[in-house]
Protein backbone atom coordinates (compact mmCIF):
# COMPACT_ATOMS: atom_id res chain seq x y z
CA MET A 1 426.34 116.57 103.06
CA PRO A 2 424.58 118.08 105.78
CA ARG A 3 421.13 119.74 105.89
CA THR A 4 420.86 123.54 104.79
CA THR A 5 417.26 124.01 105.55
CA PRO A 6 415.85 123.68 108.91
CA ALA A 7 414.30 120.41 109.59
CA PRO A 8 410.29 120.62 110.37
CA ALA A 9 409.31 120.76 114.20
CA GLU A 10 408.43 118.33 115.40
CA PRO A 11 405.93 118.30 118.57
CA ALA A 12 407.64 117.27 121.96
CA PRO A 13 405.89 114.11 123.49
CA THR A 14 403.89 115.15 126.65
CA SER A 15 402.36 112.81 129.50
CA THR A 16 399.51 115.02 130.12
CA ALA A 17 396.21 113.46 129.88
CA PRO A 18 394.09 114.84 126.73
CA THR A 19 391.16 117.12 127.85
CA PRO A 20 387.81 115.72 127.75
CA PRO A 21 385.53 116.89 125.07
CA ALA A 22 382.67 119.58 126.49
CA GLU A 23 379.42 117.42 125.83
CA LEU A 24 380.15 114.40 128.19
CA SER A 25 377.32 113.62 130.44
CA ILE A 26 378.86 113.43 134.41
CA GLU A 27 379.26 109.53 134.03
CA GLU A 28 381.68 110.12 131.13
CA ARG A 29 383.53 112.63 132.68
CA MET A 30 384.18 110.96 136.04
CA ALA A 31 385.16 107.55 133.49
CA PHE A 32 387.33 109.94 131.97
CA THR A 33 388.73 111.53 135.68
CA ASN A 34 389.49 107.86 136.80
CA THR A 35 390.93 106.91 133.52
CA ALA A 36 393.51 109.78 133.96
CA MET A 37 393.61 109.61 137.97
CA THR A 38 394.70 105.43 137.21
CA LEU A 39 397.44 106.94 134.84
CA ARG A 40 399.16 109.35 137.01
CA LEU A 41 398.93 107.34 139.91
CA GLU A 42 400.87 104.40 138.15
CA GLU A 43 403.41 107.16 137.01
CA ALA A 44 403.79 108.40 140.62
CA ALA A 45 404.05 104.77 141.60
CA VAL A 46 406.92 103.67 139.17
CA ALA A 47 408.70 107.00 139.96
CA TYR A 48 408.56 105.95 143.90
CA GLU A 49 410.08 102.64 143.04
CA VAL A 50 412.56 104.08 141.33
CA ASN A 51 413.63 106.91 143.41
CA SER A 52 413.88 104.66 146.15
CA ALA A 53 415.45 101.78 145.01
CA HIS A 54 418.72 102.35 146.64
CA ILE A 55 417.67 103.24 150.05
CA ASP A 56 418.88 99.74 152.02
CA THR A 57 416.43 98.85 154.88
CA GLY A 58 416.24 96.14 157.48
CA PRO A 59 413.90 94.98 159.60
CA VAL A 60 413.07 96.86 162.96
CA ASP A 61 413.36 95.09 166.19
CA LEU A 62 410.63 96.54 168.21
CA ALA A 63 412.86 96.32 171.54
CA ASP A 64 415.39 98.35 170.12
CA VAL A 65 412.63 100.91 169.63
CA VAL A 66 410.33 100.65 172.50
CA THR A 67 411.88 101.58 175.65
CA LEU A 68 409.15 101.41 177.88
CA PRO A 69 405.96 99.81 179.16
CA LEU A 70 403.00 99.96 176.75
CA THR A 71 400.73 100.15 179.52
CA PRO A 72 401.02 102.21 182.37
CA THR A 73 402.13 100.52 185.58
CA LEU A 74 402.74 103.74 187.94
CA GLN A 75 399.69 104.87 189.94
CA PRO A 76 399.77 108.53 188.81
CA PRO A 77 400.29 111.19 191.87
CA THR A 78 396.82 111.98 193.06
CA PRO A 79 395.99 115.72 193.34
CA TYR A 80 394.53 114.96 196.08
CA PRO A 81 396.11 115.12 199.88
CA THR A 82 393.17 114.05 201.97
CA PRO A 83 392.70 110.63 202.46
CA VAL A 84 389.28 109.86 201.06
CA ALA A 85 389.68 111.82 198.42
CA ALA A 86 393.03 110.16 197.25
CA LEU A 87 391.26 107.06 197.63
CA LEU A 88 388.02 107.62 195.46
CA GLN A 89 391.18 108.91 193.08
CA ARG A 90 393.09 105.72 193.05
CA ALA A 91 389.79 103.75 192.58
CA HIS A 92 388.72 105.62 189.66
CA HIS A 93 392.09 105.20 188.12
CA ARG A 94 392.07 101.42 189.04
CA LEU A 95 388.74 101.41 187.06
CA LEU A 96 390.14 103.16 184.11
CA THR A 97 393.34 101.10 183.53
CA GLY A 98 391.61 97.59 184.95
CA GLY A 99 388.39 97.80 183.70
CA TRP A 100 384.80 97.91 185.02
CA CYS A 101 382.16 95.50 185.88
CA SER A 102 378.69 94.78 187.05
CA GLY A 103 376.99 92.26 189.16
CA ALA A 104 380.15 91.52 191.31
CA LEU A 105 383.08 92.90 192.97
CA ALA A 106 385.67 91.58 190.67
CA ASP A 107 385.10 89.46 187.26
CA ALA A 108 387.48 87.15 186.25
CA ASP A 109 389.27 89.72 183.86
CA GLY A 110 390.31 91.89 186.93
CA ALA A 111 387.53 93.86 186.33
CA ARG A 112 386.18 95.55 189.20
CA CYS A 113 382.88 97.33 190.14
CA MET A 114 383.01 100.67 191.91
CA VAL A 115 382.65 99.41 195.39
CA GLY A 116 385.36 96.38 194.59
CA ALA A 117 387.97 99.59 193.42
CA ILE A 118 387.19 101.28 196.28
CA ARG A 119 387.75 97.93 198.71
CA ALA A 120 391.18 97.43 196.85
CA GLU A 121 392.44 100.46 196.92
CA ALA A 122 391.67 101.14 200.46
CA ARG A 123 393.91 98.00 201.41
CA GLY A 124 391.52 96.56 204.25
CA ASP A 125 390.90 100.08 206.33
CA ARG A 126 387.20 99.54 206.77
CA GLY A 127 386.94 102.84 208.24
CA LEU A 128 388.32 104.71 204.98
CA GLU A 129 386.53 101.93 202.90
CA ALA A 130 383.37 103.12 204.39
CA ASP A 131 383.47 107.18 204.51
CA ALA A 132 384.18 106.65 200.70
CA ALA A 133 381.63 104.91 199.72
CA ALA A 134 379.39 107.05 201.93
CA VAL A 135 380.85 110.35 200.08
CA VAL A 136 380.33 108.38 197.00
CA LEU A 137 376.93 107.67 197.58
CA ASP A 138 376.26 111.31 198.48
CA ALA A 139 377.95 112.53 194.86
CA ILE A 140 375.22 109.71 193.25
CA ARG A 141 372.19 111.09 194.98
CA ARG A 142 373.27 115.29 194.20
CA ARG A 143 373.52 114.18 190.50
CA PHE A 144 370.61 111.86 189.89
CA GLY A 145 368.16 111.94 192.78
CA ASP A 146 367.41 110.59 196.52
CA HIS A 147 365.74 107.26 194.91
CA ILE A 148 369.34 106.18 194.58
CA ASP A 149 369.71 102.91 197.25
CA SER A 150 373.06 102.32 197.20
CA VAL A 151 376.61 102.19 195.69
CA PRO A 152 376.21 98.78 193.96
CA SER A 153 372.69 99.18 192.60
CA PHE A 154 373.94 102.48 191.01
CA ASN A 155 377.05 100.64 189.51
CA ASP A 156 374.74 97.42 188.72
CA ALA A 157 371.86 99.64 186.45
CA HIS A 158 374.56 100.73 184.39
CA THR A 159 375.83 98.58 181.31
CA SER A 160 379.09 100.68 180.55
CA GLY A 161 381.70 101.94 183.06
CA ARG A 162 381.55 105.36 181.85
CA ILE A 163 378.83 107.22 184.28
CA PRO A 164 380.38 105.44 187.02
CA MET A 165 383.92 105.79 186.73
CA ARG A 166 382.57 109.61 186.29
CA MET A 167 380.94 110.06 189.78
CA LEU A 168 383.77 108.21 191.19
CA ASP A 169 385.94 111.29 189.53
CA GLN A 170 383.22 113.69 190.94
CA ALA A 171 383.36 111.76 194.50
CA ALA A 172 386.84 112.49 194.60
CA GLY A 173 386.13 116.51 194.23
CA LEU A 174 383.77 116.15 196.71
CA ALA A 175 385.57 114.63 199.42
CA ASP A 176 388.85 116.98 198.79
CA ALA A 177 385.96 119.81 199.29
CA ARG A 178 384.49 118.65 202.45
CA SER A 179 388.18 118.05 203.29
CA LEU A 180 388.20 114.06 203.62
């Protein structure tokens, strides 16, 4: 026979963590919070596995995704129309992409010093190379003083290429201002 009286109300199960008592030390509260967060992360991990189990994923061939070279191979367009300024901008770009070194025109890895980059970008034009080196020396002396002897001594005095590369870029702007 069916029941005619209402069944006693049963509390619905909850998945929330119990609230901590008010008088806990900081260490006890941190341990309680750590336990509560671990429980929530485990529940989220199970939910993620259940929700993404139907997604079929295959291996990705990077040749299908990457269609451009990973390193720039082309020289960017020079913003300078004058030959010395354009040469100095190319030398600056060469140091950025090929690396900077000190103590030699070029090292075994292909990195170059300031003069080595200028010489490589001048492509045998010694007059253009000399004009560019003179502008670089002038830019260096304007920034650091007249006690700088030469571009190679300035280059070799540094342990990183950051300042020498910046000076090549500033020299390019100076050469453009002089219409060289």
